[in-house]
Amino acid sequence: MENDVIFIGKKPTMSYVLAILTHINSGHDSVTLKARGMLISKAVDISQLVVRKFSKELKVSSISIGSEEITDKDNNKRMVSYISIDLKR
């Protein structure tokens, strides 16, 4: 199940779209997009792009949001929001 997770970062949007489509076309029935902080909106854009333009068979099955405490390289703790979007056939 952990292999069904794609973490959204700073790569171009179409890189993630291609990764999702490749994952689904390789026989998997679901994929989860995860993003934190300012990349949350990018994850939403990617999920909608895949569902509306590239794969009519995929649907958003669930969305979860929250915040988690992270520690940076200077050992400072802070809260960061996250989103998890599940796409299924």
C-alpha atoms as a PDB file:
ATOM      1  CA  MET A   1       0.000   0.000   0.000  1.00  0.00           C
ATOM      2  CA  GLU A   2       2.879   2.370   0.714  1.00  0.00           C
ATOM      3  CA  ASN A   3       3.939   2.069  -2.939  1.00  0.00           C
ATOM      4  CA  ASP A   4       0.588   3.590  -3.896  1.00  0.00           C
ATOM      5  CA  VAL A   5       1.639   7.004  -2.491  1.00  0.00           C
ATOM      6  CA  ILE A   6       2.971   9.879  -4.590  1.00  0.00           C
ATOM      7  CA  PHE A   7       4.420  12.784  -2.644  1.00  0.00           C
ATOM      8  CA  ILE A   8       3.913  16.139  -4.355  1.00  0.00           C
ATOM      9  CA  GLY A   9       6.980  18.351  -4.506  1.00  0.00           C
ATOM     10  CA  LYS A  10       8.472  20.982  -6.780  1.00  0.00           C
ATOM     11  CA  LYS A  11       8.656  19.014 -10.024  1.00  0.00           C
ATOM     12  CA  PRO A  12       6.498  20.180 -12.948  1.00  0.00           C
ATOM     13  CA  THR A  13       2.803  19.300 -12.714  1.00  0.00           C
ATOM     14  CA  MET A  14       2.863  17.005 -15.731  1.00  0.00           C
ATOM     15  CA  SER A  15       5.566  14.861 -14.087  1.00  0.00           C
ATOM     16  CA  TYR A  16       3.090  13.939 -11.360  1.00  0.00           C
ATOM     17  CA  VAL A  17       0.247  13.409 -13.852  1.00  0.00           C
ATOM     18  CA  LEU A  18       2.472  11.002 -15.777  1.00  0.00           C
ATOM     19  CA  ALA A  19       3.475   9.212 -12.561  1.00  0.00           C
ATOM     20  CA  ILE A  20      -0.196   8.737 -11.610  1.00  0.00           C
ATOM     21  CA  LEU A  21      -1.189   7.457 -15.045  1.00  0.00           C
ATOM     22  CA  THR A  22       1.810   5.114 -15.178  1.00  0.00           C
ATOM     23  CA  HIS A  23       0.950   3.745 -11.740  1.00  0.00           C
ATOM     24  CA  ILE A  24      -2.691   3.131 -12.661  1.00  0.00           C
ATOM     25  CA  ASN A  25      -1.841   1.635 -16.073  1.00  0.00           C
ATOM     26  CA  SER A  26       0.570  -0.805 -14.447  1.00  0.00           C
ATOM     27  CA  GLY A  27      -2.359  -2.608 -12.833  1.00  0.00           C
ATOM     28  CA  HIS A  28      -2.983  -0.761  -9.575  1.00  0.00           C
ATOM     29  CA  ASP A  29      -6.540   0.281  -8.708  1.00  0.00           C
ATOM     30  CA  SER A  30      -5.685   3.249  -6.495  1.00  0.00           C
ATOM     31  CA  VAL A  31      -3.109   5.930  -5.831  1.00  0.00           C
ATOM     32  CA  THR A  32      -2.749   8.469  -3.017  1.00  0.00           C
ATOM     33  CA  LEU A  33      -1.395  11.987  -3.474  1.00  0.00           C
ATOM     34  CA  LYS A  34       0.167  13.618  -0.424  1.00  0.00           C
ATOM     35  CA  ALA A  35       1.328  17.216  -0.080  1.00  0.00           C
ATOM     36  CA  ARG A  36       2.244  19.614   2.705  1.00  0.00           C
ATOM     37  CA  GLY A  37       2.215  23.377   3.133  1.00  0.00           C
ATOM     38  CA  MET A  38       2.167  25.545   0.048  1.00  0.00           C
ATOM     39  CA  LEU A  39       2.080  22.495  -2.230  1.00  0.00           C
ATOM     40  CA  ILE A  40      -1.457  21.552  -1.140  1.00  0.00           C
ATOM     41  CA  SER A  41      -3.002  23.593  -3.950  1.00  0.00           C
ATOM     42  CA  LYS A  42      -0.707  21.883  -6.458  1.00  0.00           C
ATOM     43  CA  ALA A  43      -1.911  18.467  -5.259  1.00  0.00           C
ATOM     44  CA  VAL A  44      -5.533  19.543  -5.740  1.00  0.00           C
ATOM     45  CA  ASP A  45      -4.735  20.856  -9.235  1.00  0.00           C
ATOM     46  CA  ILE A  46      -2.995  17.609 -10.172  1.00  0.00           C
ATOM     47  CA  SER A  47      -5.845  15.432  -8.912  1.00  0.00           C
ATOM     48  CA  GLN A  48      -8.427  17.451 -10.828  1.00  0.00           C
ATOM     49  CA  LEU A  49      -6.318  17.470 -13.975  1.00  0.00           C
ATOM     50  CA  VAL A  50      -6.019  13.677 -13.882  1.00  0.00           C
ATOM     51  CA  VAL A  51      -9.708  13.073 -13.127  1.00  0.00           C
ATOM     52  CA  ARG A  52     -11.139  15.576 -15.607  1.00  0.00           C
ATOM     53  CA  LYS A  53      -8.706  15.488 -18.539  1.00  0.00           C
ATOM     54  CA  PHE A  54      -6.627  12.329 -18.586  1.00  0.00           C
ATOM     55  CA  SER A  55      -8.506   9.465 -16.950  1.00  0.00           C
ATOM     56  CA  LYS A  56     -12.285   9.333 -16.936  1.00  0.00           C
ATOM     57  CA  GLU A  57     -12.138   6.039 -15.015  1.00  0.00           C
ATOM     58  CA  LEU A  58     -10.444   7.581 -11.942  1.00  0.00           C
ATOM     59  CA  LYS A  59     -12.500   9.249  -9.214  1.00  0.00           C
ATOM     60  CA  VAL A  60     -11.578  11.002  -5.977  1.00  0.00           C
ATOM     61  CA  SER A  61     -12.564   8.482  -3.306  1.00  0.00           C
ATOM     62  CA  SER A  62     -11.514  10.381  -0.184  1.00  0.00           C
ATOM     63  CA  ILE A  63      -9.686  13.461   1.006  1.00  0.00           C
ATOM     64  CA  SER A  64      -8.134  13.955   4.402  1.00  0.00           C
ATOM     65  CA  ILE A  65      -6.575  17.106   5.799  1.00  0.00           C
ATOM     66  CA  GLY A  66      -4.781  17.994   8.983  1.00  0.00           C
ATOM     67  CA  SER A  67      -1.593  19.359  10.423  1.00  0.00           C
ATOM     68  CA  GLU A  68       1.504  17.714  11.778  1.00  0.00           C
ATOM     69  CA  GLU A  69       4.487  18.848  13.760  1.00  0.00           C
ATOM     70  CA  ILE A  70       7.789  18.724  11.916  1.00  0.00           C
ATOM     71  CA  THR A  71      11.334  19.430  13.045  1.00  0.00           C
ATOM     72  CA  ASP A  72      13.614  21.350  10.679  1.00  0.00           C
ATOM     73  CA  LYS A  73      17.385  21.017  10.330  1.00  0.00           C
ATOM     74  CA  ASP A  74      17.956  23.594  13.119  1.00  0.00           C
ATOM     75  CA  ASN A  75      15.875  21.435  15.488  1.00  0.00           C
ATOM     76  CA  ASN A  76      12.973  23.921  15.519  1.00  0.00           C
ATOM     77  CA  LYS A  77       9.468  22.464  15.686  1.00  0.00           C
ATOM     78  CA  ARG A  78       6.548  23.885  13.724  1.00  0.00           C
ATOM     79  CA  MET A  79       3.096  22.875  12.537  1.00  0.00           C
ATOM     80  CA  VAL A  80       2.542  22.204   8.829  1.00  0.00           C
ATOM     81  CA  SER A  81      -0.779  21.493   7.117  1.00  0.00           C
ATOM     82  CA  TYR A  82      -1.141  18.463   4.847  1.00  0.00           C
ATOM     83  CA  ILE A  83      -3.627  16.923   2.425  1.00  0.00           C
ATOM     84  CA  SER A  84      -4.039  13.339   1.300  1.00  0.00           C
ATOM     85  CA  ILE A  85      -6.139  12.678  -1.832  1.00  0.00           C
ATOM     86  CA  ASP A  86      -7.116   9.099  -2.716  1.00  0.00           C
ATOM     87  CA  LEU A  87      -7.889   8.336  -6.364  1.00  0.00           C
ATOM     88  CA  LYS A  88      -9.542   5.028  -7.285  1.00  0.00           C
ATOM     89  CA  ARG A  89     -10.912   3.342 -10.373  1.00  0.00           C
END
